[in-house]
Protein backbone atom coordinates (compact mmCIF):
# COMPACT_ATOMS: atom_id res chain seq x y z
CA UNK A 1 146.96 74.95 77.95
CA UNK A 2 145.99 77.66 80.39
CA UNK A 3 144.80 76.61 83.82
CA UNK A 4 143.85 78.51 86.94
CA UNK A 5 143.04 76.35 89.94
CA UNK A 6 141.61 77.95 93.06
CA UNK A 7 141.53 76.40 96.50
CA UNK A 8 140.91 77.40 100.09
CA UNK A 9 137.23 78.21 100.11
CA UNK A 10 134.89 77.02 102.81
CA UNK A 11 132.56 77.95 105.63
CA UNK A 12 133.66 80.49 108.21
CA UNK A 13 131.96 82.47 110.94
CA UNK A 14 131.34 86.20 110.86
CA UNK A 15 134.61 87.89 111.82
CA UNK A 16 136.73 84.94 110.82
CA UNK A 17 139.51 84.57 108.29
CA UNK A 18 140.13 82.49 105.20
CA UNK A 19 142.98 82.25 102.71
CA UNK A 20 142.45 81.49 99.04
CA UNK A 21 145.10 80.29 96.61
CA UNK A 22 145.21 80.16 92.83
CA UNK A 23 147.85 78.24 90.92
CA UNK A 24 148.28 79.34 87.32
CA UNK A 25 149.90 77.66 84.34
CA UNK A 26 150.10 78.10 80.58
CA UNK A 27 150.96 81.79 80.41
CA UNK A 28 153.67 84.17 81.62
CA UNK A 29 152.56 84.60 85.21
CA UNK A 30 155.12 87.25 86.15
CA UNK A 31 153.95 89.59 83.38
CA UNK A 32 150.27 88.95 84.05
CA UNK A 33 147.87 91.00 86.11
CA UNK A 34 146.31 88.60 88.59
CA UNK A 35 142.99 89.37 90.18
CA UNK A 36 140.23 88.00 92.33
CA UNK A 37 136.57 88.47 91.54
CA UNK A 38 133.49 87.22 93.31
CA UNK A 39 129.91 86.45 92.39
CA UNK A 40 127.06 86.15 94.87
CA UNK A 41 123.85 84.32 93.93
CA UNK A 42 121.77 86.41 91.55
CA UNK A 43 124.48 89.05 91.28
CA UNK A 44 127.04 90.01 88.70
CA UNK A 45 130.68 89.08 89.05
CA UNK A 46 132.45 91.87 90.91
CA UNK A 47 136.08 92.89 91.17
CA UNK A 48 137.74 92.21 94.54
CA UNK A 49 141.47 92.78 94.23
CA UNK A 50 144.30 92.78 91.72
CA UNK A 51 148.06 92.46 91.71
CA UNK A 52 150.12 93.71 88.78
CA UNK A 53 153.62 94.86 87.86
CA UNK A 54 154.78 91.46 89.17
CA UNK A 55 153.24 92.27 92.53
CA UNK A 56 154.62 95.77 92.97
CA UNK A 57 151.16 97.25 92.64
CA UNK A 58 147.81 96.24 94.07
CA UNK A 59 144.27 97.50 93.90
CA UNK A 60 141.21 96.72 95.99
CA UNK A 61 137.48 97.15 95.85
CA UNK A 62 136.30 99.64 98.43
CA UNK A 63 134.22 96.97 100.17
CA UNK A 64 137.25 94.83 101.02
CA UNK A 65 140.02 97.38 101.45
CA UNK A 66 141.68 96.97 104.83
CA UNK A 67 140.26 93.47 105.29
CA UNK A 68 141.61 91.55 102.29
CA UNK A 69 145.19 91.30 101.06
CA UNK A 70 146.29 90.04 97.66
CA UNK A 71 149.80 88.66 97.31
CA UNK A 72 151.61 86.55 94.77
CA UNK A 73 154.58 84.23 94.55
CA UNK A 74 155.92 84.53 91.02
CA UNK A 75 158.27 81.59 91.55
CA UNK A 76 155.28 79.37 92.29
CA UNK A 77 152.88 80.95 89.76
CA UNK A 78 150.48 81.43 92.64
CA UNK A 79 148.31 84.30 93.76
CA UNK A 80 146.73 84.46 97.19
CA UNK A 81 143.84 86.28 98.79
CA UNK A 82 144.00 86.62 102.55
CA UNK A 83 140.58 87.51 103.89
CA UNK A 84 139.95 88.67 107.43
CA UNK A 85 137.08 90.23 109.37
CA UNK A 86 134.74 88.37 107.06
CA UNK A 87 131.12 89.40 106.85
CA UNK A 88 128.05 87.51 105.61
CA UNK A 89 127.98 89.83 102.59
CA UNK A 90 131.37 88.42 101.56
CA UNK A 91 129.62 85.13 100.78
CA UNK A 92 130.16 84.35 97.11
CA UNK A 93 131.99 82.18 94.65
CA UNK A 94 135.49 83.61 94.34
CA UNK A 95 137.21 83.45 90.96
CA UNK A 96 140.84 83.85 90.08
CA UNK A 97 141.56 85.87 86.94
CA UNK A 98 144.73 86.24 84.95
CA UNK A 99 145.20 88.83 82.24
CA UNK A 100 148.30 88.38 80.14
CA UNK A 101 150.38 90.99 78.33
CA UNK A 102 148.09 90.70 75.29
CA UNK A 103 145.06 91.47 77.51
CA UNK A 104 143.70 87.96 77.17
CA UNK A 105 141.58 86.95 80.14
CA UNK A 106 141.73 83.59 81.84
CA UNK A 107 139.44 82.33 84.62
CA UNK A 108 139.49 79.62 87.23
CA UNK A 109 136.52 77.43 88.09
CA UNK A 110 135.78 79.29 91.33
CA UNK A 111 135.76 78.40 94.99
CA UNK A 112 132.83 78.91 97.35
CA UNK A 113 133.22 81.13 100.40
CA UNK A 114 130.35 81.14 102.88
CA UNK A 115 130.32 83.42 105.92
CA UNK A 116 127.74 82.56 108.55
CA UNK A 117 126.16 85.24 110.69
């Protein structure tokens, strides 16, 4: 059974930092591309960052590049998103995504991040 469980969301002030975690199970984590997406109210779900090639490669949305860092611990089946210099427009539900070697997509339940102005 595949599971992705996010944690670490919360309320933070403009300019603050927050760290998200996602623990995965049920698929080969090391071979999977792991990503973070976010969805603001009334908006579509947008790509934030991804880690693939077991962490050797990363990719970021332009809006978060330089402020967010995606890392992973393959021994713990965990992917992280370190967020700094947060802005009110970063407010959204953040979702963890895993895509296995057969391109099957798995999603977590989401964690709310709210940045106050």
